[in-house]
Amino acid sequence: MELVFSVNQEGDGGFVAECLTHDIFTEGNSWEELRSNVQEAVAGYFFDRNKPEQIRLHLVRDEVLACA
């Protein structure tokens, strides 16, 4: 099983991650902190069940371009 998280970068530079298939949310001030927090959140969510084999972090970049 693979869990996929949608990751958005906040205006202050931090990151927010949301699992697409389970109610798991977390955040981090850096990419490294986010990775650690995601692993911790997944371990807590699946503490009494089989854990997923992989976690995929999908960074979503939202950019608005002006049309002249």
PDB file of N, CA and C in Angstrom:
ATOM      1  N   MET A   1       0.844  -1.180   0.000  1.00  0.00           N
ATOM      2  CA  MET A   1       0.000   0.000   0.000  1.00  0.00           C
ATOM      3  C   MET A   1       0.888   1.242   0.000  1.00  0.00           C
ATOM      4  N   GLU A   2       0.480   2.229  -0.749  1.00  0.00           N
ATOM      5  CA  GLU A   2       1.185   3.517  -0.807  1.00  0.00           C
ATOM      6  C   GLU A   2       0.208   4.620  -0.402  1.00  0.00           C
ATOM      7  N   LEU A   3       0.649   5.505   0.495  1.00  0.00           N
ATOM      8  CA  LEU A   3      -0.131   6.683   0.844  1.00  0.00           C
ATOM      9  C   LEU A   3       0.387   7.863   0.052  1.00  0.00           C
ATOM     10  N   VAL A   4      -0.526   8.676  -0.457  1.00  0.00           N
ATOM     11  CA  VAL A   4      -0.152   9.869  -1.201  1.00  0.00           C
ATOM     12  C   VAL A   4      -0.614  11.091  -0.413  1.00  0.00           C
ATOM     13  N   PHE A   5       0.323  12.021  -0.203  1.00  0.00           N
ATOM     14  CA  PHE A   5       0.028  13.274   0.469  1.00  0.00           C
ATOM     15  C   PHE A   5       0.142  14.410  -0.535  1.00  0.00           C
ATOM     16  N   SER A   6      -0.838  15.282  -0.531  1.00  0.00           N
ATOM     17  CA  SER A   6      -0.779  16.517  -1.297  1.00  0.00           C
ATOM     18  C   SER A   6      -0.113  17.548  -0.400  1.00  0.00           C
ATOM     19  N   VAL A   7       0.966  18.158  -0.891  1.00  0.00           N
ATOM     20  CA  VAL A   7       1.742  19.108  -0.094  1.00  0.00           C
ATOM     21  C   VAL A   7       1.664  20.481  -0.740  1.00  0.00           C
ATOM     22  N   ASN A   8       1.334  21.485   0.068  1.00  0.00           N
ATOM     23  CA  ASN A   8       1.295  22.875  -0.387  1.00  0.00           C
ATOM     24  C   ASN A   8       2.273  23.688   0.435  1.00  0.00           C
ATOM     25  N   GLN A   9       2.942  24.619  -0.230  1.00  0.00           N
ATOM     26  CA  GLN A   9       3.833  25.516   0.488  1.00  0.00           C
ATOM     27  C   GLN A   9       3.052  26.753   0.891  1.00  0.00           C
ATOM     28  N   GLU A  10       3.169  27.122   2.157  1.00  0.00           N
ATOM     29  CA  GLU A  10       2.482  28.275   2.695  1.00  0.00           C
ATOM     30  C   GLU A  10       3.250  29.555   2.372  1.00  0.00           C
ATOM     31  N   GLY A  11       2.605  30.684   2.528  1.00  0.00           N
ATOM     32  CA  GLY A  11       3.222  31.972   2.250  1.00  0.00           C
ATOM     33  C   GLY A  11       4.442  32.253   3.108  1.00  0.00           C
ATOM     34  N   ASP A  12       4.474  31.688   4.317  1.00  0.00           N
ATOM     35  CA  ASP A  12       5.607  31.910   5.214  1.00  0.00           C
ATOM     36  C   ASP A  12       6.765  30.955   4.947  1.00  0.00           C
ATOM     37  N   GLY A  13       6.615  30.076   3.946  1.00  0.00           N
ATOM     38  CA  GLY A  13       7.675  29.142   3.592  1.00  0.00           C
ATOM     39  C   GLY A  13       7.486  27.751   4.136  1.00  0.00           C
ATOM     40  N   GLY A  14       6.584  27.576   5.101  1.00  0.00           N
ATOM     41  CA  GLY A  14       6.323  26.249   5.648  1.00  0.00           C
ATOM     42  C   GLY A  14       5.508  25.398   4.688  1.00  0.00           C
ATOM     43  N   PHE A  15       5.284  24.144   5.067  1.00  0.00           N
ATOM     44  CA  PHE A  15       4.567  23.193   4.218  1.00  0.00           C
ATOM     45  C   PHE A  15       3.424  22.555   4.997  1.00  0.00           C
ATOM     46  N   VAL A  16       2.339  22.257   4.289  1.00  0.00           N
ATOM     47  CA  VAL A  16       1.187  21.557   4.852  1.00  0.00           C
ATOM     48  C   VAL A  16       0.937  20.327   3.992  1.00  0.00           C
ATOM     49  N   ALA A  17       0.765  19.161   4.640  1.00  0.00           N
ATOM     50  CA  ALA A  17       0.542  17.910   3.924  1.00  0.00           C
ATOM     51  C   ALA A  17      -0.785  17.302   4.338  1.00  0.00           C
ATOM     52  N   GLU A  18      -1.524  16.814   3.351  1.00  0.00           N
ATOM     53  CA  GLU A  18      -2.822  16.178   3.586  1.00  0.00           C
ATOM     54  C   GLU A  18      -2.863  14.873   2.813  1.00  0.00           C
ATOM     55  N   CYS A  19      -3.152  13.784   3.511  1.00  0.00           N
ATOM     56  CA  CYS A  19      -3.277  12.480   2.861  1.00  0.00           C
ATOM     57  C   CYS A  19      -4.553  12.466   2.027  1.00  0.00           C
ATOM     58  N   LEU A  20      -4.476  11.908   0.826  1.00  0.00           N
ATOM     59  CA  LEU A  20      -5.620  11.895  -0.081  1.00  0.00           C
ATOM     60  C   LEU A  20      -6.629  10.798   0.230  1.00  0.00           C
ATOM     61  N   THR A  21      -6.237   9.783   1.012  1.00  0.00           N
ATOM     62  CA  THR A  21      -7.129   8.649   1.246  1.00  0.00           C
ATOM     63  C   THR A  21      -7.485   8.417   2.707  1.00  0.00           C
ATOM     64  N   HIS A  22      -6.778   9.061   3.621  1.00  0.00           N
ATOM     65  CA  HIS A  22      -7.039   8.899   5.054  1.00  0.00           C
ATOM     66  C   HIS A  22      -7.032  10.277   5.714  1.00  0.00           C
ATOM     67  N   ASP A  23      -7.590  10.358   6.906  1.00  0.00           N
ATOM     68  CA  ASP A  23      -7.648  11.630   7.631  1.00  0.00           C
ATOM     69  C   ASP A  23      -6.340  11.886   8.365  1.00  0.00           C
ATOM     70  N   ILE A  24      -5.294  12.166   7.595  1.00  0.00           N
ATOM     71  CA  ILE A  24      -3.978  12.444   8.167  1.00  0.00           C
ATOM     72  C   ILE A  24      -3.522  13.792   7.627  1.00  0.00           C
ATOM     73  N   PHE A  25      -3.218  14.703   8.536  1.00  0.00           N
ATOM     74  CA  PHE A  25      -2.764  16.048   8.185  1.00  0.00           C
ATOM     75  C   PHE A  25      -1.558  16.375   9.054  1.00  0.00           C
ATOM     76  N   THR A  26      -0.614  17.115   8.513  1.00  0.00           N
ATOM     77  CA  THR A  26       0.513  17.593   9.306  1.00  0.00           C
ATOM     78  C   THR A  26       1.159  18.764   8.594  1.00  0.00           C
ATOM     79  N   GLU A  27       2.138  19.377   9.257  1.00  0.00           N
ATOM     80  CA  GLU A  27       2.834  20.512   8.669  1.00  0.00           C
ATOM     81  C   GLU A  27       4.271  20.531   9.162  1.00  0.00           C
ATOM     82  N   GLY A  28       5.087  21.343   8.508  1.00  0.00           N
ATOM     83  CA  GLY A  28       6.472  21.503   8.919  1.00  0.00           C
ATOM     84  C   GLY A  28       7.021  22.819   8.414  1.00  0.00           C
ATOM     85  N   ASN A  29       7.972  23.374   9.135  1.00  0.00           N
ATOM     86  CA  ASN A  29       8.582  24.645   8.737  1.00  0.00           C
ATOM     87  C   ASN A  29       9.578  24.480   7.601  1.00  0.00           C
ATOM     88  N   SER A  30      10.102  23.271   7.416  1.00  0.00           N
ATOM     89  CA  SER A  30      11.027  22.976   6.319  1.00  0.00           C
ATOM     90  C   SER A  30      10.610  21.650   5.695  1.00  0.00           C
ATOM     91  N   TRP A  31      11.186  21.351   4.538  1.00  0.00           N
ATOM     92  CA  TRP A  31      10.860  20.084   3.862  1.00  0.00           C
ATOM     93  C   TRP A  31      11.288  18.895   4.723  1.00  0.00           C
ATOM     94  N   GLU A  32      12.455  19.001   5.352  1.00  0.00           N
ATOM     95  CA  GLU A  32      12.958  17.925   6.202  1.00  0.00           C
ATOM     96  C   GLU A  32      12.038  17.704   7.404  1.00  0.00           C
ATOM     97  N   GLU A  33      11.590  18.803   8.022  1.00  0.00           N
ATOM     98  CA  GLU A  33      10.678  18.688   9.159  1.00  0.00           C
ATOM     99  C   GLU A  33       9.344  18.095   8.718  1.00  0.00           C
ATOM    100  N   LEU A  34       8.859  18.487   7.552  1.00  0.00           N
ATOM    101  CA  LEU A  34       7.610  17.935   7.029  1.00  0.00           C
ATOM    102  C   LEU A  34       7.740  16.432   6.823  1.00  0.00           C
ATOM    103  N   ARG A  35       8.828  15.996   6.231  1.00  0.00           N
ATOM    104  CA  ARG A  35       9.041  14.557   5.998  1.00  0.00           C
ATOM    105  C   ARG A  35       8.982  13.783   7.310  1.00  0.00           C
ATOM    106  N   SER A  36       9.654  14.285   8.315  1.00  0.00           N
ATOM    107  CA  SER A  36       9.662  13.640   9.625  1.00  0.00           C
ATOM    108  C   SER A  36       8.264  13.633  10.242  1.00  0.00           C
ATOM    109  N   ASN A  37       7.556  14.753  10.145  1.00  0.00           N
ATOM    110  CA  ASN A  37       6.211  14.853  10.713  1.00  0.00           C
ATOM    111  C   ASN A  37       5.223  13.944   9.999  1.00  0.00           C
ATOM    112  N   VAL A  38       5.374  13.793   8.682  1.00  0.00           N
ATOM    113  CA  VAL A  38       4.498  12.884   7.929  1.00  0.00           C
ATOM    114  C   VAL A  38       4.726  11.456   8.407  1.00  0.00           C
ATOM    115  N   GLN A  39       5.970  11.053   8.540  1.00  0.00           N
ATOM    116  CA  GLN A  39       6.265   9.686   8.997  1.00  0.00           C
ATOM    117  C   GLN A  39       5.712   9.447  10.400  1.00  0.00           C
ATOM    118  N   GLU A  40       5.847  10.435  11.275  1.00  0.00           N
ATOM    119  CA  GLU A  40       5.321  10.324  12.637  1.00  0.00           C
ATOM    120  C   GLU A  40       3.796  10.247  12.632  1.00  0.00           C
ATOM    121  N   ALA A  41       3.146  11.078  11.819  1.00  0.00           N
ATOM    122  CA  ALA A  41       1.683  11.072  11.740  1.00  0.00           C
ATOM    123  C   ALA A  41       1.159   9.746  11.192  1.00  0.00           C
ATOM    124  N   VAL A  42       1.828   9.205  10.191  1.00  0.00           N
ATOM    125  CA  VAL A  42       1.418   7.924   9.609  1.00  0.00           C
ATOM    126  C   VAL A  42       1.600   6.807  10.638  1.00  0.00           C
ATOM    127  N   ALA A  43       2.718   6.808  11.345  1.00  0.00           N
ATOM    128  CA  ALA A  43       2.955   5.789  12.375  1.00  0.00           C
ATOM    129  C   ALA A  43       1.880   5.852  13.449  1.00  0.00           C
ATOM    130  N   GLY A  44       1.486   7.065  13.850  1.00  0.00           N
ATOM    131  CA  GLY A  44       0.433   7.212  14.850  1.00  0.00           C
ATOM    132  C   GLY A  44      -0.927   6.758  14.338  1.00  0.00           C
ATOM    133  N   TYR A  45      -1.224   7.072  13.100  1.00  0.00           N
ATOM    134  CA  TYR A  45      -2.519   6.710  12.519  1.00  0.00           C
ATOM    135  C   TYR A  45      -2.649   5.187  12.377  1.00  0.00           C
ATOM    136  N   PHE A  46      -1.561   4.541  11.989  1.00  0.00           N
ATOM    137  CA  PHE A  46      -1.573   3.093  11.758  1.00  0.00           C
ATOM    138  C   PHE A  46      -0.965   2.317  12.920  1.00  0.00           C
ATOM    139  N   PHE A  47      -0.994   2.867  14.148  1.00  0.00           N
ATOM    140  CA  PHE A  47      -0.315   2.231  15.276  1.00  0.00           C
ATOM    141  C   PHE A  47      -0.810   0.819  15.550  1.00  0.00           C
ATOM    142  N   ASP A  48      -2.064   0.522  15.247  1.00  0.00           N
ATOM    143  CA  ASP A  48      -2.605  -0.807  15.520  1.00  0.00           C
ATOM    144  C   ASP A  48      -2.975  -1.576  14.251  1.00  0.00           C
ATOM    145  N   ARG A  49      -2.475  -1.108  13.117  1.00  0.00           N
ATOM    146  CA  ARG A  49      -2.759  -1.760  11.831  1.00  0.00           C
ATOM    147  C   ARG A  49      -1.470  -1.879  11.026  1.00  0.00           C
ATOM    148  N   ASN A  50      -1.548  -2.598   9.925  1.00  0.00           N
ATOM    149  CA  ASN A  50      -0.392  -2.693   9.033  1.00  0.00           C
ATOM    150  C   ASN A  50      -0.083  -1.328   8.445  1.00  0.00           C
ATOM    151  N   LYS A  51       1.168  -0.946   8.512  1.00  0.00           N
ATOM    152  CA  LYS A  51       1.592   0.350   7.978  1.00  0.00           C
ATOM    153  C   LYS A  51       1.798   0.256   6.468  1.00  0.00           C
ATOM    154  N   PRO A  52       1.636   1.373   5.761  1.00  0.00           N
ATOM    155  CA  PRO A  52       1.867   1.355   4.310  1.00  0.00           C
ATOM    156  C   PRO A  52       3.341   1.089   4.003  1.00  0.00           C
ATOM    157  N   GLU A  53       3.582   0.577   2.812  1.00  0.00           N
ATOM    158  CA  GLU A  53       4.955   0.301   2.392  1.00  0.00           C
ATOM    159  C   GLU A  53       5.685   1.578   1.982  1.00  0.00           C
ATOM    160  N   GLN A  54       4.945   2.525   1.435  1.00  0.00           N
ATOM    161  CA  GLN A  54       5.547   3.761   0.930  1.00  0.00           C
ATOM    162  C   GLN A  54       4.656   4.950   1.227  1.00  0.00           C
ATOM    163  N   ILE A  55       5.303   6.115   1.298  1.00  0.00           N
ATOM    164  CA  ILE A  55       4.595   7.384   1.425  1.00  0.00           C
ATOM    165  C   ILE A  55       5.085   8.278   0.301  1.00  0.00           C
ATOM    166  N   ARG A  56       4.154   8.802  -0.477  1.00  0.00           N
ATOM    167  CA  ARG A  56       4.507   9.704  -1.575  1.00  0.00           C
ATOM    168  C   ARG A  56       4.077  11.127  -1.204  1.00  0.00           C
ATOM    169  N   LEU A  57       5.021  12.057  -1.283  1.00  0.00           N
ATOM    170  CA  LEU A  57       4.726  13.467  -1.050  1.00  0.00           C
ATOM    171  C   LEU A  57       4.645  14.149  -2.407  1.00  0.00           C
ATOM    172  N   HIS A  58       3.472  14.653  -2.736  1.00  0.00           N
ATOM    173  CA  HIS A  58       3.239  15.294  -4.030  1.00  0.00           C
ATOM    174  C   HIS A  58       3.139  16.797  -3.797  1.00  0.00           C
ATOM    175  N   LEU A  59       4.194  17.520  -4.158  1.00  0.00           N
ATOM    176  CA  LEU A  59       4.229  18.968  -3.974  1.00  0.00           C
ATOM    177  C   LEU A  59       3.392  19.640  -5.052  1.00  0.00           C
ATOM    178  N   VAL A  60       2.383  20.389  -4.625  1.00  0.00           N
ATOM    179  CA  VAL A  60       1.489  21.092  -5.536  1.00  0.00           C
ATOM    180  C   VAL A  60       1.918  22.556  -5.577  1.00  0.00           C
ATOM    181  N   ARG A  61       2.181  23.022  -6.760  1.00  0.00           N
ATOM    182  CA  ARG A  61       2.584  24.427  -6.913  1.00  0.00           C
ATOM    183  C   ARG A  61       1.471  25.168  -7.622  1.00  0.00           C
ATOM    184  N   ASP A  62       0.982  26.180  -6.973  1.00  0.00           N
ATOM    185  CA  ASP A  62      -0.101  26.978  -7.519  1.00  0.00           C
ATOM    186  C   ASP A  62       0.486  28.346  -7.902  1.00  0.00           C
ATOM    187  N   GLU A  63       0.429  28.671  -9.179  1.00  0.00           N
ATOM    188  CA  GLU A  63       1.009  29.922  -9.663  1.00  0.00           C
ATOM    189  C   GLU A  63      -0.012  30.624 -10.546  1.00  0.00           C
ATOM    190  N   VAL A  64      -0.184  31.905 -10.303  1.00  0.00           N
ATOM    191  CA  VAL A  64      -1.108  32.706 -11.104  1.00  0.00           C
ATOM    192  C   VAL A  64      -0.295  33.645 -11.979  1.00  0.00           C
ATOM    193  N   LEU A  65      -0.581  33.605 -13.268  1.00  0.00           N
ATOM    194  CA  LEU A  65       0.119  34.465 -14.230  1.00  0.00           C
ATOM    195  C   LEU A  65      -0.843  35.538 -14.725  1.00  0.00           C
ATOM    196  N   ALA A  66      -0.337  36.737 -14.855  1.00  0.00           N
ATOM    197  CA  ALA A  66      -1.158  37.833 -15.378  1.00  0.00           C
ATOM    198  C   ALA A  66      -1.195  37.765 -16.905  1.00  0.00           C
ATOM    199  N   CYS A  67      -2.328  38.028 -17.464  1.00  0.00           N
ATOM    200  CA  CYS A  67      -2.473  38.085 -18.917  1.00  0.00           C
ATOM    201  C   CYS A  67      -2.526  39.562 -19.321  1.00  0.00           C
ATOM    202  N   ALA A  68      -1.584  39.952 -20.142  1.00  0.00           N
ATOM    203  CA  ALA A  68      -1.528  41.370 -20.537  1.00  0.00           C
ATOM    204  C   ALA A  68      -2.264  41.598 -21.847  1.00  0.00           C
TER     205      ALA A  68
END
